[in-house]
Amino acid sequence: MDDTRTRLTKDGIRLYEAADFAGMHAAGRLAADILDRAAPLVYPGQTTAEIDQAVQSMVEEAGATSATIGYKGYQHATCISVNHVVCHGIPGSKKLHDGDILNIDVTVIVDGWYGDTSRMYVAGKPSRKAERLMEVTHDSLMKGIEMVRPGNTFGDIGHAIQTFVEAHRMSVVRDFCGHGLGRVFHAPPNVLHYGRPGTGPILEEGMFFTIEPMVNLGRPETKVLADDWTAVTRDKSLSAQFEHSIGVTANGCEIFTLSPAGKFHPTY
């Protein structure tokens, strides 16, 4: 399909056709399956570089392409963000310790369609505060997804996430957001995880985008390290993130990146 033939909203958001949902489901299913298969690789003593290499092999064995290898100079099939790393953590030789929590983010390209998802994992047994952080982050994503239907706004999504998180005395990261995708990796809109009801573009059938809240136990501020990729919490508090890719339907939405094995949350 020629992506240029699809329609755009007045906000520049691409509207895909009903037939395009199948392509997104295929890409999302592979990305989610790879993250399912990565779960046994997370344990104390393992390195994030070894996890990344295994994921790269899975992508290649599936006949797919990693969207992140070569993206703006990035050279890995995953971003792996441990403990106080908010997002874009670079895989490396440092070993995981018992109780570490980590987000693994993977994006694959299948027949031109992008499947983008991330979820949390635990090396060993998490602390109660880490477990609670992951619960709230996961549930905030689902609160946001509940707001996805034609006629609602992106502000409704952000507000649902923000109010849920802040009711649990945690904070939503403002510096990073979800994004449109489809036959491209990143496109309009920016999907903020905070906001006011009724604001922002109106949701329409055929929109494809990610929702990927990052939640901190402490304050929301982040900083990017000297490698120009790794974002960390400024106060060194723990951070967690879950991400799904979504398509807006006539009366709700479809999640493209559901876990085939039901492993999206490590402790549920």
C-alpha atoms as a PDB file:
ATOM      1  CA  MET A   1       0.000   0.000   0.000  1.00  0.00           C
ATOM      2  CA  ASP A   2       1.201   3.504  -0.807  1.00  0.00           C
ATOM      3  CA  ASP A   3       1.128   5.345   2.504  1.00  0.00           C
ATOM      4  CA  THR A   4       0.697   8.684   0.727  1.00  0.00           C
ATOM      5  CA  ARG A   5      -2.804   7.659  -0.395  1.00  0.00           C
ATOM      6  CA  THR A   6      -4.153   7.583   3.154  1.00  0.00           C
ATOM      7  CA  ARG A   7      -6.056  10.542   4.546  1.00  0.00           C
ATOM      8  CA  LEU A   8      -4.813  13.189   6.979  1.00  0.00           C
ATOM      9  CA  THR A   9      -6.773  15.018   9.665  1.00  0.00           C
ATOM     10  CA  LYS A  10      -6.570  18.793  10.014  1.00  0.00           C
ATOM     11  CA  ASP A  11      -3.904  18.139  12.685  1.00  0.00           C
ATOM     12  CA  GLY A  12      -1.765  16.205  10.210  1.00  0.00           C
ATOM     13  CA  ILE A  13      -2.556  12.797  11.724  1.00  0.00           C
ATOM     14  CA  ARG A  14      -2.749   9.971   9.204  1.00  0.00           C
ATOM     15  CA  LEU A  15      -5.948   7.921   9.029  1.00  0.00           C
ATOM     16  CA  TYR A  16      -5.428   4.349   7.879  1.00  0.00           C
ATOM     17  CA  GLU A  17      -7.937   2.052   6.207  1.00  0.00           C
ATOM     18  CA  ALA A  18      -9.648  -0.991   7.736  1.00  0.00           C
ATOM     19  CA  ALA A  19      -7.424  -3.309   5.705  1.00  0.00           C
ATOM     20  CA  ASP A  20      -4.308  -1.779   7.275  1.00  0.00           C
ATOM     21  CA  PHE A  21      -5.166  -3.140  10.722  1.00  0.00           C
ATOM     22  CA  ALA A  22      -4.012  -6.622   9.657  1.00  0.00           C
ATOM     23  CA  GLY A  23      -0.513  -5.362   8.888  1.00  0.00           C
ATOM     24  CA  MET A  24      -0.256  -3.643  12.251  1.00  0.00           C
ATOM     25  CA  HIS A  25      -1.522  -6.730  14.057  1.00  0.00           C
ATOM     26  CA  ALA A  26       1.163  -8.852  12.379  1.00  0.00           C
ATOM     27  CA  ALA A  27       3.958  -6.449  13.322  1.00  0.00           C
ATOM     28  CA  GLY A  28       2.629  -5.928  16.831  1.00  0.00           C
ATOM     29  CA  ARG A  29       2.195  -9.652  17.408  1.00  0.00           C
ATOM     30  CA  LEU A  30       5.807 -10.350  16.494  1.00  0.00           C
ATOM     31  CA  ALA A  31       7.119  -7.567  18.734  1.00  0.00           C
ATOM     32  CA  ALA A  32       5.017  -8.839  21.638  1.00  0.00           C
ATOM     33  CA  ASP A  33       6.045 -12.452  21.027  1.00  0.00           C
ATOM     34  CA  ILE A  34       9.712 -11.464  21.085  1.00  0.00           C
ATOM     35  CA  LEU A  35       9.212  -9.746  24.448  1.00  0.00           C
ATOM     36  CA  ASP A  36       7.448 -12.874  25.721  1.00  0.00           C
ATOM     37  CA  ARG A  37      10.463 -14.933  24.701  1.00  0.00           C
ATOM     38  CA  ALA A  38      12.845 -12.455  26.323  1.00  0.00           C
ATOM     39  CA  ALA A  39      11.366 -13.027  29.780  1.00  0.00           C
ATOM     40  CA  PRO A  40      13.509 -16.096  30.675  1.00  0.00           C
ATOM     41  CA  LEU A  41      16.623 -14.110  29.756  1.00  0.00           C
ATOM     42  CA  VAL A  42      16.123 -11.652  32.618  1.00  0.00           C
ATOM     43  CA  TYR A  43      17.834 -12.835  35.800  1.00  0.00           C
ATOM     44  CA  PRO A  44      20.576 -11.715  38.213  1.00  0.00           C
ATOM     45  CA  GLY A  45      23.997 -11.967  36.583  1.00  0.00           C
ATOM     46  CA  GLN A  46      22.687 -11.517  33.056  1.00  0.00           C
ATOM     47  CA  THR A  47      23.857  -8.505  31.037  1.00  0.00           C
ATOM     48  CA  THR A  48      21.583  -6.267  29.031  1.00  0.00           C
ATOM     49  CA  ALA A  49      23.914  -6.707  26.030  1.00  0.00           C
ATOM     50  CA  GLU A  50      23.226 -10.448  26.072  1.00  0.00           C
ATOM     51  CA  ILE A  51      19.486  -9.819  26.175  1.00  0.00           C
ATOM     52  CA  ASP A  52      19.778  -7.397  23.273  1.00  0.00           C
ATOM     53  CA  GLN A  53      21.764  -9.863  21.181  1.00  0.00           C
ATOM     54  CA  ALA A  54      19.160 -12.551  21.790  1.00  0.00           C
ATOM     55  CA  VAL A  55      16.377 -10.189  20.733  1.00  0.00           C
ATOM     56  CA  GLN A  56      18.276  -9.228  17.585  1.00  0.00           C
ATOM     57  CA  SER A  57      18.566 -12.917  16.701  1.00  0.00           C
ATOM     58  CA  MET A  58      14.833 -13.403  17.227  1.00  0.00           C
ATOM     59  CA  VAL A  59      14.050 -10.496  14.902  1.00  0.00           C
ATOM     60  CA  GLU A  60      16.340 -11.874  12.207  1.00  0.00           C
ATOM     61  CA  GLU A  61      15.022 -15.430  12.560  1.00  0.00           C
ATOM     62  CA  ALA A  62      11.487 -14.110  12.036  1.00  0.00           C
ATOM     63  CA  GLY A  63      12.547 -12.502   8.754  1.00  0.00           C
ATOM     64  CA  ALA A  64      11.742  -9.073  10.153  1.00  0.00           C
ATOM     65  CA  THR A  65      13.830  -5.914  10.520  1.00  0.00           C
ATOM     66  CA  SER A  66      14.783  -4.035  13.676  1.00  0.00           C
ATOM     67  CA  ALA A  67      13.552  -0.440  13.444  1.00  0.00           C
ATOM     68  CA  THR A  68      16.112   0.807  15.950  1.00  0.00           C
ATOM     69  CA  ILE A  69      19.364  -0.530  14.470  1.00  0.00           C
ATOM     70  CA  GLY A  70      20.694   2.405  12.468  1.00  0.00           C
ATOM     71  CA  TYR A  71      17.973   4.797  13.669  1.00  0.00           C
ATOM     72  CA  LYS A  72      19.758   8.135  14.237  1.00  0.00           C
ATOM     73  CA  GLY A  73      22.958   6.167  14.695  1.00  0.00           C
ATOM     74  CA  TYR A  74      21.581   3.776  17.329  1.00  0.00           C
ATOM     75  CA  GLN A  75      23.107   0.296  17.040  1.00  0.00           C
ATOM     76  CA  HIS A  76      20.899  -2.030  19.104  1.00  0.00           C
ATOM     77  CA  ALA A  77      17.675  -3.998  18.615  1.00  0.00           C
ATOM     78  CA  THR A  78      16.349  -2.889  22.008  1.00  0.00           C
ATOM     79  CA  CYS A  79      16.412  -0.097  24.507  1.00  0.00           C
ATOM     80  CA  ILE A  80      16.830  -1.571  27.992  1.00  0.00           C
ATOM     81  CA  SER A  81      16.226   0.819  30.875  1.00  0.00           C
ATOM     82  CA  VAL A  82      17.181  -0.366  34.370  1.00  0.00           C
ATOM     83  CA  ASN A  83      15.903   1.051  37.681  1.00  0.00           C
ATOM     84  CA  HIS A  84      16.210   4.866  37.526  1.00  0.00           C
ATOM     85  CA  VAL A  85      16.695   4.907  33.745  1.00  0.00           C
ATOM     86  CA  VAL A  86      13.455   6.306  32.331  1.00  0.00           C
ATOM     87  CA  CYS A  87      13.899   5.313  28.687  1.00  0.00           C
ATOM     88  CA  HIS A  88      16.405   4.798  25.848  1.00  0.00           C
ATOM     89  CA  GLY A  89      18.837   2.814  27.987  1.00  0.00           C
ATOM     90  CA  ILE A  90      21.664   1.392  25.869  1.00  0.00           C
ATOM     91  CA  PRO A  91      22.393  -2.345  26.301  1.00  0.00           C
ATOM     92  CA  GLY A  92      25.809  -2.997  27.800  1.00  0.00           C
ATOM     93  CA  SER A  93      28.078  -5.249  29.846  1.00  0.00           C
ATOM     94  CA  LYS A  94      26.798  -4.305  33.294  1.00  0.00           C
ATOM     95  CA  LYS A  95      25.214  -7.289  35.050  1.00  0.00           C
ATOM     96  CA  LEU A  96      21.716  -7.254  36.491  1.00  0.00           C
ATOM     97  CA  HIS A  97      21.343  -7.577  40.260  1.00  0.00           C
ATOM     98  CA  ASP A  98      18.620  -9.244  42.301  1.00  0.00           C
ATOM     99  CA  GLY A  99      15.667  -6.884  42.542  1.00  0.00           C
ATOM    100  CA  ASP A 100      16.522  -4.784  39.487  1.00  0.00           C
ATOM    101  CA  ILE A 101      13.540  -3.748  37.403  1.00  0.00           C
ATOM    102  CA  LEU A 102      13.957  -3.031  33.715  1.00  0.00           C
ATOM    103  CA  ASN A 103      11.989  -1.982  30.689  1.00  0.00           C
ATOM    104  CA  ILE A 104      12.724  -3.668  27.370  1.00  0.00           C
ATOM    105  CA  ASP A 105      11.521  -1.723  24.332  1.00  0.00           C
ATOM    106  CA  VAL A 106      11.501  -3.315  20.875  1.00  0.00           C
ATOM    107  CA  THR A 107      10.241  -2.155  17.485  1.00  0.00           C
ATOM    108  CA  VAL A 108      10.134  -4.456  14.470  1.00  0.00           C
ATOM    109  CA  ILE A 109       9.218  -3.878  10.836  1.00  0.00           C
ATOM    110  CA  VAL A 110       7.073  -6.569   9.188  1.00  0.00           C
ATOM    111  CA  ASP A 111       6.100  -6.054   5.540  1.00  0.00           C
ATOM    112  CA  GLY A 112       6.575  -2.310   6.011  1.00  0.00           C
ATOM    113  CA  TRP A 113       4.492  -2.043   9.186  1.00  0.00           C
ATOM    114  CA  TYR A 114       6.010  -1.010  12.541  1.00  0.00           C
ATOM    115  CA  GLY A 115       5.263  -2.949  15.731  1.00  0.00           C
ATOM    116  CA  ASP A 116       6.365  -1.009  18.818  1.00  0.00           C
ATOM    117  CA  THR A 117       5.956  -2.181  22.413  1.00  0.00           C
ATOM    118  CA  SER A 118       7.722  -2.250  25.751  1.00  0.00           C
ATOM    119  CA  ARG A 119       7.143  -3.788  29.138  1.00  0.00           C
ATOM    120  CA  MET A 120       8.719  -4.260  32.549  1.00  0.00           C
ATOM    121  CA  TYR A 121      10.757  -7.222  33.793  1.00  0.00           C
ATOM    122  CA  VAL A 122      12.324  -8.134  37.139  1.00  0.00           C
ATOM    123  CA  ALA A 123      15.691  -9.769  37.794  1.00  0.00           C
ATOM    124  CA  GLY A 124      14.952 -11.930  40.811  1.00  0.00           C
ATOM    125  CA  LYS A 125      12.449 -10.571  43.326  1.00  0.00           C
ATOM    126  CA  PRO A 126      11.388  -6.902  43.276  1.00  0.00           C
ATOM    127  CA  SER A 127      11.024  -4.712  46.327  1.00  0.00           C
ATOM    128  CA  ARG A 128       7.477  -3.893  47.332  1.00  0.00           C
ATOM    129  CA  LYS A 129       7.894  -0.267  46.186  1.00  0.00           C
ATOM    130  CA  ALA A 130       9.194  -1.418  42.793  1.00  0.00           C
ATOM    131  CA  GLU A 131       6.325  -3.868  42.463  1.00  0.00           C
ATOM    132  CA  ARG A 132       3.823  -1.143  43.316  1.00  0.00           C
ATOM    133  CA  LEU A 133       5.429   1.233  40.792  1.00  0.00           C
ATOM    134  CA  MET A 134       5.053  -1.351  38.034  1.00  0.00           C
ATOM    135  CA  GLU A 135       1.436  -2.024  39.001  1.00  0.00           C
ATOM    136  CA  VAL A 136       0.515   1.661  38.869  1.00  0.00           C
ATOM    137  CA  THR A 137       2.359   2.208  35.590  1.00  0.00           C
ATOM    138  CA  HIS A 138       0.701  -0.784  33.924  1.00  0.00           C
ATOM    139  CA  ASP A 139      -2.728   0.190  35.185  1.00  0.00           C
ATOM    140  CA  SER A 140      -2.254   3.811  34.084  1.00  0.00           C
ATOM    141  CA  LEU A 141      -1.605   2.594  30.537  1.00  0.00           C
ATOM    142  CA  MET A 142      -4.824   0.612  30.618  1.00  0.00           C
ATOM    143  CA  LYS A 143      -6.700   3.666  31.988  1.00  0.00           C
ATOM    144  CA  GLY A 144      -5.413   5.622  29.010  1.00  0.00           C
ATOM    145  CA  ILE A 145      -6.419   2.909  26.557  1.00  0.00           C
ATOM    146  CA  GLU A 146      -9.941   2.910  28.021  1.00  0.00           C
ATOM    147  CA  MET A 147     -10.308   6.481  26.728  1.00  0.00           C
ATOM    148  CA  VAL A 148      -9.463   5.580  23.118  1.00  0.00           C
ATOM    149  CA  ARG A 149     -12.576   5.885  20.988  1.00  0.00           C
ATOM    150  CA  PRO A 150     -13.757   8.279  18.273  1.00  0.00           C
ATOM    151  CA  GLY A 151     -14.928  11.623  19.630  1.00  0.00           C
ATOM    152  CA  ASN A 152     -12.652  11.638  22.664  1.00  0.00           C
ATOM    153  CA  THR A 153      -9.456  13.690  22.627  1.00  0.00           C
ATOM    154  CA  PHE A 154      -5.801  13.001  23.272  1.00  0.00           C
ATOM    155  CA  GLY A 155      -6.169  15.216  26.337  1.00  0.00           C
ATOM    156  CA  ASP A 156      -8.694  12.703  27.678  1.00  0.00           C
ATOM    157  CA  ILE A 157      -6.043   9.964  27.402  1.00  0.00           C
ATOM    158  CA  GLY A 158      -3.385  12.028  29.147  1.00  0.00           C
ATOM    159  CA  HIS A 159      -5.756  13.160  31.882  1.00  0.00           C
ATOM    160  CA  ALA A 160      -6.824   9.593  32.669  1.00  0.00           C
ATOM    161  CA  ILE A 161      -3.189   8.522  33.029  1.00  0.00           C
ATOM    162  CA  GLN A 162      -2.066  11.553  35.016  1.00  0.00           C
ATOM    163  CA  THR A 163      -4.905  11.545  37.540  1.00  0.00           C
ATOM    164  CA  PHE A 164      -4.535   7.814  38.193  1.00  0.00           C
ATOM    165  CA  VAL A 165      -0.772   8.057  38.717  1.00  0.00           C
ATOM    166  CA  GLU A 166      -0.901  11.140  40.903  1.00  0.00           C
ATOM    167  CA  ALA A 167      -3.652   9.599  43.047  1.00  0.00           C
ATOM    168  CA  HIS A 168      -1.023   6.998  43.963  1.00  0.00           C
ATOM    169  CA  ARG A 169       1.495   9.730  44.864  1.00  0.00           C
ATOM    170  CA  MET A 170       3.730   9.042  41.873  1.00  0.00           C
ATOM    171  CA  SER A 171       4.604  11.285  38.933  1.00  0.00           C
ATOM    172  CA  VAL A 172       4.229  11.147  35.152  1.00  0.00           C
ATOM    173  CA  VAL A 173       7.265  11.993  33.033  1.00  0.00           C
ATOM    174  CA  ARG A 174       6.603  15.025  30.812  1.00  0.00           C
ATOM    175  CA  ASP A 175       9.761  14.964  28.694  1.00  0.00           C
ATOM    176  CA  PHE A 176       8.828  11.924  26.564  1.00  0.00           C
ATOM    177  CA  CYS A 177       5.569  10.850  24.964  1.00  0.00           C
ATOM    178  CA  GLY A 178       3.837   8.371  22.715  1.00  0.00           C
ATOM    179  CA  HIS A 179       3.647   8.870  18.958  1.00  0.00           C
ATOM    180  CA  GLY A 180       1.879   8.016  15.766  1.00  0.00           C
ATOM    181  CA  LEU A 181       3.159   5.077  13.743  1.00  0.00           C
ATOM    182  CA  GLY A 182       2.123   2.740  10.934  1.00  0.00           C
ATOM    183  CA  ARG A 183       4.361   2.547   7.896  1.00  0.00           C
ATOM    184  CA  VAL A 184       6.675   4.984   9.676  1.00  0.00           C
ATOM    185  CA  PHE A 185       8.380   4.757  13.072  1.00  0.00           C
ATOM    186  CA  HIS A 186       7.385   8.167  14.413  1.00  0.00           C
ATOM    187  CA  ALA A 187       4.649  10.468  13.142  1.00  0.00           C
ATOM    188  CA  PRO A 188       2.012  12.874  14.489  1.00  0.00           C
ATOM    189  CA  PRO A 189       0.464  12.996  16.985  1.00  0.00           C
ATOM    190  CA  ASN A 190       2.535  13.394  20.122  1.00  0.00           C
ATOM    191  CA  VAL A 191       0.624  11.363  22.716  1.00  0.00           C
ATOM    192  CA  LEU A 192       1.121  13.119  26.056  1.00  0.00           C
ATOM    193  CA  HIS A 193       0.588  11.141  29.246  1.00  0.00           C
ATOM    194  CA  TYR A 194      -0.812  14.136  31.108  1.00  0.00           C
ATOM    195  CA  GLY A 195      -3.321  16.796  30.160  1.00  0.00           C
ATOM    196  CA  ARG A 196      -6.785  18.267  30.473  1.00  0.00           C
ATOM    197  CA  PRO A 197     -10.003  16.588  29.337  1.00  0.00           C
ATOM    198  CA  GLY A 198     -11.383  17.803  26.023  1.00  0.00           C
ATOM    199  CA  THR A 199      -8.081  19.234  24.780  1.00  0.00           C
ATOM    200  CA  GLY A 200      -5.868  18.215  21.890  1.00  0.00           C
ATOM    201  CA  PRO A 201      -6.806  16.550  18.600  1.00  0.00           C
ATOM    202  CA  ILE A 202     -10.025  14.559  18.424  1.00  0.00           C
ATOM    203  CA  LEU A 203      -9.629  10.794  18.052  1.00  0.00           C
ATOM    204  CA  GLU A 204     -10.842   9.399  14.730  1.00  0.00           C
ATOM    205  CA  GLU A 205     -11.212   5.908  13.324  1.00  0.00           C
ATOM    206  CA  GLY A 206      -8.033   4.809  11.557  1.00  0.00           C
ATOM    207  CA  MET A 207      -5.495   6.549  13.801  1.00  0.00           C
ATOM    208  CA  PHE A 208      -2.516   4.392  14.828  1.00  0.00           C
ATOM    209  CA  PHE A 209      -0.335   5.450  17.769  1.00  0.00           C
ATOM    210  CA  THR A 210       1.483   4.321  20.886  1.00  0.00           C
ATOM    211  CA  ILE A 211       0.598   5.013  24.495  1.00  0.00           C
ATOM    212  CA  GLU A 212       3.661   4.510  26.692  1.00  0.00           C
ATOM    213  CA  PRO A 213       3.515   6.237  30.090  1.00  0.00           C
ATOM    214  CA  MET A 214       6.728   6.576  32.075  1.00  0.00           C
ATOM    215  CA  VAL A 215       6.057   6.833  35.805  1.00  0.00           C
ATOM    216  CA  ASN A 216       8.509   7.796  38.539  1.00  0.00           C
ATOM    217  CA  LEU A 217       8.372   7.028  42.247  1.00  0.00           C
ATOM    218  CA  GLY A 218       9.803  10.487  42.842  1.00  0.00           C
ATOM    219  CA  ARG A 219       9.624  13.695  40.858  1.00  0.00           C
ATOM    220  CA  PRO A 220       8.906  13.786  37.102  1.00  0.00           C
ATOM    221  CA  GLU A 221      12.072  15.584  35.971  1.00  0.00           C
ATOM    222  CA  THR A 222      14.570  13.723  33.776  1.00  0.00           C
ATOM    223  CA  LYS A 223      17.970  14.376  32.253  1.00  0.00           C
ATOM    224  CA  VAL A 224      19.742  12.837  29.264  1.00  0.00           C
ATOM    225  CA  LEU A 225      23.243  11.501  29.866  1.00  0.00           C
ATOM    226  CA  ALA A 226      26.352  12.289  27.821  1.00  0.00           C
ATOM    227  CA  ASP A 227      25.667   9.398  25.415  1.00  0.00           C
ATOM    228  CA  ASP A 228      22.738  11.509  24.086  1.00  0.00           C
ATOM    229  CA  TRP A 229      20.330   8.590  24.519  1.00  0.00           C
ATOM    230  CA  THR A 230      19.972   7.444  28.130  1.00  0.00           C
ATOM    231  CA  ALA A 231      17.328   9.394  30.072  1.00  0.00           C
ATOM    232  CA  VAL A 232      17.349   9.089  33.867  1.00  0.00           C
ATOM    233  CA  THR A 233      15.328  10.498  36.750  1.00  0.00           C
ATOM    234  CA  ARG A 234      16.997  13.603  38.129  1.00  0.00           C
ATOM    235  CA  ASP A 235      16.324  12.516  41.716  1.00  0.00           C
ATOM    236  CA  LYS A 236      17.506   8.922  41.054  1.00  0.00           C
ATOM    237  CA  SER A 237      14.070   7.535  41.904  1.00  0.00           C
ATOM    238  CA  LEU A 238      12.854   4.334  40.273  1.00  0.00           C
ATOM    239  CA  SER A 239      11.020   4.626  36.964  1.00  0.00           C
ATOM    240  CA  ALA A 240       8.785   2.215  35.035  1.00  0.00           C
ATOM    241  CA  GLN A 241       7.130   2.142  31.615  1.00  0.00           C
ATOM    242  CA  PHE A 242       4.659   0.033  29.649  1.00  0.00           C
ATOM    243  CA  GLU A 243       3.818   0.581  25.985  1.00  0.00           C
ATOM    244  CA  HIS A 244       1.173  -0.650  23.587  1.00  0.00           C
ATOM    245  CA  SER A 245       0.493   0.221  19.949  1.00  0.00           C
ATOM    246  CA  ILE A 246      -3.170   1.079  19.350  1.00  0.00           C
ATOM    247  CA  GLY A 247      -5.541   1.446  16.423  1.00  0.00           C
ATOM    248  CA  VAL A 248      -8.763   3.472  16.730  1.00  0.00           C
ATOM    249  CA  THR A 249     -11.852   1.581  15.523  1.00  0.00           C
ATOM    250  CA  ALA A 250     -15.410   2.767  14.842  1.00  0.00           C
ATOM    251  CA  ASN A 251     -16.441   2.319  18.469  1.00  0.00           C
ATOM    252  CA  GLY A 252     -13.245   1.852  20.472  1.00  0.00           C
ATOM    253  CA  CYS A 253      -9.779   0.554  19.761  1.00  0.00           C
ATOM    254  CA  GLU A 254      -7.669  -2.513  19.057  1.00  0.00           C
ATOM    255  CA  ILE A 255      -4.364  -3.231  20.810  1.00  0.00           C
ATOM    256  CA  PHE A 256      -1.834  -4.476  18.264  1.00  0.00           C
ATOM    257  CA  THR A 257       0.797  -5.564  20.794  1.00  0.00           C
ATOM    258  CA  LEU A 258      -1.068  -7.877  23.161  1.00  0.00           C
ATOM    259  CA  SER A 259       1.186 -10.538  24.680  1.00  0.00           C
ATOM    260  CA  PRO A 260       0.463 -13.906  23.004  1.00  0.00           C
ATOM    261  CA  ALA A 261       1.513 -15.672  26.226  1.00  0.00           C
ATOM    262  CA  GLY A 262      -0.207 -13.269  28.610  1.00  0.00           C
ATOM    263  CA  LYS A 263       3.137 -12.067  30.015  1.00  0.00           C
ATOM    264  CA  PHE A 264       2.757  -8.316  29.482  1.00  0.00           C
ATOM    265  CA  HIS A 265       3.037  -7.626  33.222  1.00  0.00           C
ATOM    266  CA  PRO A 266       5.763  -9.557  35.099  1.00  0.00           C
ATOM    267  CA  THR A 267       3.792 -10.114  38.294  1.00  0.00           C
ATOM    268  CA  TYR A 268       0.158 -10.250  37.123  1.00  0.00           C
END
